[in-house]
Every structure is written in structure tokens, then in C-alpha cells.
Amino acid sequence: MGACISLMAYYEKRGNAWRAQIRRNGYPALSATFAAKAEAQRCPHEQ
């Protein structure tokens, strides 16, 4: 059987910036701040 990794990304507008928060089962949450929403949405795919 293969392992299933659940990934959830959350985007939030913070003033003039966007915060991306990524949660994965069994790992601590990661977050980063970006100038544009498009940059924040690319974040989970690059990790």
C-alpha cells in the first residue's frame, strides 16, 4: 500500500501582502508571506 499525504493550503490577505499557510499530516504547519496572491499560490507546489 502507498502512503497518502494530505496537503491543505490556506491563503489570507494581510494588509498589502498575502500569507500562505500549508498543513500536512504528521508535519508542523508552514507559513510564508508574499507580495502577490499568485506567488502565495505557487508556494505549496515548490516545497
PDB file of N, CA and C in Angstrom:
ATOM      1  N   MET A   1       0.828  -1.192   0.000  1.00  0.00           N
ATOM      2  CA  MET A   1       0.000   0.000   0.000  1.00  0.00           C
ATOM      3  C   MET A   1       0.868   1.251   0.000  1.00  0.00           C
ATOM      4  N   GLY A   2       0.454   2.254  -0.743  1.00  0.00           N
ATOM      5  CA  GLY A   2       1.179   3.516  -0.775  1.00  0.00           C
ATOM      6  C   GLY A   2       0.721   4.447   0.332  1.00  0.00           C
ATOM      7  N   ALA A   3       1.612   5.332   0.728  1.00  0.00           N
ATOM      8  CA  ALA A   3       1.274   6.310   1.769  1.00  0.00           C
ATOM      9  C   ALA A   3       0.512   7.473   1.142  1.00  0.00           C
ATOM     10  N   CYS A   4      -0.471   7.952   1.854  1.00  0.00           N
ATOM     11  CA  CYS A   4      -1.267   9.089   1.395  1.00  0.00           C
ATOM     12  C   CYS A   4      -0.892  10.310   2.233  1.00  0.00           C
ATOM     13  N   ILE A   5      -0.427  11.358   1.570  1.00  0.00           N
ATOM     14  CA  ILE A   5      -0.061  12.595   2.265  1.00  0.00           C
ATOM     15  C   ILE A   5      -1.125  13.633   1.956  1.00  0.00           C
ATOM     16  N   SER A   6      -1.769  14.123   2.999  1.00  0.00           N
ATOM     17  CA  SER A   6      -2.790  15.140   2.845  1.00  0.00           C
ATOM     18  C   SER A   6      -2.139  16.519   2.913  1.00  0.00           C
ATOM     19  N   LEU A   7      -2.452  17.371   1.961  1.00  0.00           N
ATOM     20  CA  LEU A   7      -1.900  18.722   1.900  1.00  0.00           C
ATOM     21  C   LEU A   7      -3.061  19.702   1.855  1.00  0.00           C
ATOM     22  N   MET A   8      -3.012  20.696   2.745  1.00  0.00           N
ATOM     23  CA  MET A   8      -4.038  21.738   2.753  1.00  0.00           C
ATOM     24  C   MET A   8      -3.344  23.092   2.745  1.00  0.00           C
ATOM     25  N   ALA A   9      -3.708  23.934   1.810  1.00  0.00           N
ATOM     26  CA  ALA A   9      -3.137  25.275   1.724  1.00  0.00           C
ATOM     27  C   ALA A   9      -4.232  26.300   2.019  1.00  0.00           C
ATOM     28  N   TYR A  10      -3.861  27.339   2.761  1.00  0.00           N
ATOM     29  CA  TYR A  10      -4.789  28.384   3.172  1.00  0.00           C
ATOM     30  C   TYR A  10      -4.149  29.722   2.823  1.00  0.00           C
ATOM     31  N   TYR A  11      -4.892  30.622   2.183  1.00  0.00           N
ATOM     32  CA  TYR A  11      -4.379  31.929   1.780  1.00  0.00           C
ATOM     33  C   TYR A  11      -5.160  33.020   2.486  1.00  0.00           C
ATOM     34  N   GLU A  12      -4.437  34.002   3.004  1.00  0.00           N
ATOM     35  CA  GLU A  12      -5.080  35.076   3.765  1.00  0.00           C
ATOM     36  C   GLU A  12      -4.455  36.414   3.389  1.00  0.00           C
ATOM     37  N   LYS A  13      -5.295  37.407   3.148  1.00  0.00           N
ATOM     38  CA  LYS A  13      -4.827  38.771   2.856  1.00  0.00           C
ATOM     39  C   LYS A  13      -4.433  39.439   4.165  1.00  0.00           C
ATOM     40  N   ARG A  14      -3.197  39.899   4.269  1.00  0.00           N
ATOM     41  CA  ARG A  14      -2.687  40.537   5.485  1.00  0.00           C
ATOM     42  C   ARG A  14      -2.162  41.922   5.114  1.00  0.00           C
ATOM     43  N   GLY A  15      -3.008  42.936   5.221  1.00  0.00           N
ATOM     44  CA  GLY A  15      -2.600  44.288   4.827  1.00  0.00           C
ATOM     45  C   GLY A  15      -2.384  44.331   3.323  1.00  0.00           C
ATOM     46  N   ASN A  16      -1.165  44.614   2.894  1.00  0.00           N
ATOM     47  CA  ASN A  16      -0.831  44.647   1.466  1.00  0.00           C
ATOM     48  C   ASN A  16      -0.191  43.358   0.986  1.00  0.00           C
ATOM     49  N   ALA A  17      -0.108  42.342   1.835  1.00  0.00           N
ATOM     50  CA  ALA A  17       0.562  41.098   1.488  1.00  0.00           C
ATOM     51  C   ALA A  17      -0.392  39.906   1.632  1.00  0.00           C
ATOM     52  N   TRP A  18       0.023  38.773   1.107  1.00  0.00           N
ATOM     53  CA  TRP A  18      -0.730  37.524   1.218  1.00  0.00           C
ATOM     54  C   TRP A  18       0.085  36.528   2.019  1.00  0.00           C
ATOM     55  N   ARG A  19      -0.582  35.824   2.915  1.00  0.00           N
ATOM     56  CA  ARG A  19       0.084  34.784   3.705  1.00  0.00           C
ATOM     57  C   ARG A  19      -0.425  33.424   3.231  1.00  0.00           C
ATOM     58  N   ALA A  20       0.500  32.528   2.956  1.00  0.00           N
ATOM     59  CA  ALA A  20       0.163  31.149   2.608  1.00  0.00           C
ATOM     60  C   ALA A  20       0.517  30.279   3.804  1.00  0.00           C
ATOM     61  N   GLN A  21      -0.423  29.460   4.226  1.00  0.00           N
ATOM     62  CA  GLN A  21      -0.170  28.514   5.316  1.00  0.00           C
ATOM     63  C   GLN A  21      -0.427  27.125   4.760  1.00  0.00           C
ATOM     64  N   ILE A  22       0.547  26.243   4.911  1.00  0.00           N
ATOM     65  CA  ILE A  22       0.469  24.894   4.384  1.00  0.00           C
ATOM     66  C   ILE A  22       0.481  23.909   5.539  1.00  0.00           C
ATOM     67  N   ARG A  23      -0.471  23.003   5.528  1.00  0.00           N
ATOM     68  CA  ARG A  23      -0.557  21.969   6.560  1.00  0.00           C
ATOM     69  C   ARG A  23      -0.484  20.600   5.895  1.00  0.00           C
ATOM     70  N   ARG A  24       0.337  19.722   6.476  1.00  0.00           N
ATOM     71  CA  ARG A  24       0.442  18.338   6.016  1.00  0.00           C
ATOM     72  C   ARG A  24       0.316  17.423   7.215  1.00  0.00           C
ATOM     73  N   ASN A  25      -0.314  16.283   7.023  1.00  0.00           N
ATOM     74  CA  ASN A  25      -0.465  15.328   8.114  1.00  0.00           C
ATOM     75  C   ASN A  25       0.902  14.889   8.626  1.00  0.00           C
ATOM     76  N   GLY A  26       1.081  14.952   9.930  1.00  0.00           N
ATOM     77  CA  GLY A  26       2.320  14.494  10.546  1.00  0.00           C
ATOM     78  C   GLY A  26       3.453  15.498  10.526  1.00  0.00           C
ATOM     79  N   TYR A  27       3.233  16.706  10.030  1.00  0.00           N
ATOM     80  CA  TYR A  27       4.274  17.735   9.946  1.00  0.00           C
ATOM     81  C   TYR A  27       3.751  19.032  10.562  1.00  0.00           C
ATOM     82  N   PRO A  28       4.644  19.866  11.094  1.00  0.00           N
ATOM     83  CA  PRO A  28       4.187  21.168  11.608  1.00  0.00           C
ATOM     84  C   PRO A  28       3.734  22.074  10.454  1.00  0.00           C
ATOM     85  N   ALA A  29       2.854  23.007  10.749  1.00  0.00           N
ATOM     86  CA  ALA A  29       2.366  23.946   9.730  1.00  0.00           C
ATOM     87  C   ALA A  29       3.503  24.871   9.286  1.00  0.00           C
ATOM     88  N   LEU A  30       3.509  25.195   8.012  1.00  0.00           N
ATOM     89  CA  LEU A  30       4.473  26.135   7.438  1.00  0.00           C
ATOM     90  C   LEU A  30       3.709  27.361   6.969  1.00  0.00           C
ATOM     91  N   SER A  31       4.322  28.545   7.109  1.00  0.00           N
ATOM     92  CA  SER A  31       3.683  29.738   6.577  1.00  0.00           C
ATOM     93  C   SER A  31       4.742  30.669   6.017  1.00  0.00           C
ATOM     94  N   ALA A  32       4.330  31.451   5.021  1.00  0.00           N
ATOM     95  CA  ALA A  32       5.213  32.424   4.390  1.00  0.00           C
ATOM     96  C   ALA A  32       4.351  33.569   3.887  1.00  0.00           C
ATOM     97  N   THR A  33       4.949  34.750   3.751  1.00  0.00           N
ATOM     98  CA  THR A  33       4.249  35.941   3.296  1.00  0.00           C
ATOM     99  C   THR A  33       4.768  36.340   1.915  1.00  0.00           C
ATOM    100  N   PHE A  34       3.848  36.737   1.031  1.00  0.00           N
ATOM    101  CA  PHE A  34       4.186  37.082  -0.342  1.00  0.00           C
ATOM    102  C   PHE A  34       3.514  38.394  -0.736  1.00  0.00           C
ATOM    103  N   ALA A  35       4.068  39.073  -1.727  1.00  0.00           N
ATOM    104  CA  ALA A  35       3.526  40.346  -2.184  1.00  0.00           C
ATOM    105  C   ALA A  35       2.255  40.150  -3.005  1.00  0.00           C
ATOM    106  N   ALA A  36       2.165  39.064  -3.749  1.00  0.00           N
ATOM    107  CA  ALA A  36       1.009  38.815  -4.621  1.00  0.00           C
ATOM    108  C   ALA A  36       0.387  37.462  -4.314  1.00  0.00           C
ATOM    109  N   LYS A  37      -0.912  37.351  -4.536  1.00  0.00           N
ATOM    110  CA  LYS A  37      -1.607  36.092  -4.268  1.00  0.00           C
ATOM    111  C   LYS A  37      -1.093  34.970  -5.174  1.00  0.00           C
ATOM    112  N   ALA A  38      -0.763  35.305  -6.421  1.00  0.00           N
ATOM    113  CA  ALA A  38      -0.247  34.295  -7.350  1.00  0.00           C
ATOM    114  C   ALA A  38       1.052  33.679  -6.821  1.00  0.00           C
ATOM    115  N   GLU A  39       1.910  34.488  -6.211  1.00  0.00           N
ATOM    116  CA  GLU A  39       3.144  33.968  -5.611  1.00  0.00           C
ATOM    117  C   GLU A  39       2.818  33.028  -4.455  1.00  0.00           C
ATOM    118  N   ALA A  40       1.854  33.396  -3.636  1.00  0.00           N
ATOM    119  CA  ALA A  40       1.463  32.574  -2.491  1.00  0.00           C
ATOM    120  C   ALA A  40       0.892  31.239  -2.956  1.00  0.00           C
ATOM    121  N   GLN A  41       0.168  31.231  -4.051  1.00  0.00           N
ATOM    122  CA  GLN A  41      -0.430  30.001  -4.547  1.00  0.00           C
ATOM    123  C   GLN A  41       0.599  29.066  -5.163  1.00  0.00           C
ATOM    124  N   ARG A  42       1.726  29.576  -5.622  1.00  0.00           N
ATOM    125  CA  ARG A  42       2.800  28.721  -6.133  1.00  0.00           C
ATOM    126  C   ARG A  42       3.567  28.053  -5.001  1.00  0.00           C
ATOM    127  N   CYS A  43       3.543  28.640  -3.816  1.00  0.00           N
ATOM    128  CA  CYS A  43       4.325  28.178  -2.680  1.00  0.00           C
ATOM    129  C   CYS A  43       4.171  26.686  -2.351  1.00  0.00           C
ATOM    130  N   PRO A  44       2.970  26.132  -2.198  1.00  0.00           N
ATOM    131  CA  PRO A  44       2.858  24.718  -1.810  1.00  0.00           C
ATOM    132  C   PRO A  44       3.451  23.761  -2.829  1.00  0.00           C
ATOM    133  N   HIS A  45       3.432  24.141  -4.106  1.00  0.00           N
ATOM    134  CA  HIS A  45       3.922  23.260  -5.156  1.00  0.00           C
ATOM    135  C   HIS A  45       5.443  23.239  -5.213  1.00  0.00           C
ATOM    136  N   GLU A  46       6.101  24.215  -4.622  1.00  0.00           N
ATOM    137  CA  GLU A  46       7.563  24.294  -4.683  1.00  0.00           C
ATOM    138  C   GLU A  46       8.223  23.642  -3.485  1.00  0.00           C
ATOM    139  N   GLN A  47       7.444  23.155  -2.522  1.00  0.00           N
ATOM    140  CA  GLN A  47       8.037  22.578  -1.318  1.00  0.00           C
ATOM    141  C   GLN A  47       8.087  21.083  -1.413  1.00  0.00           C
TER     142      GLN A  47
END
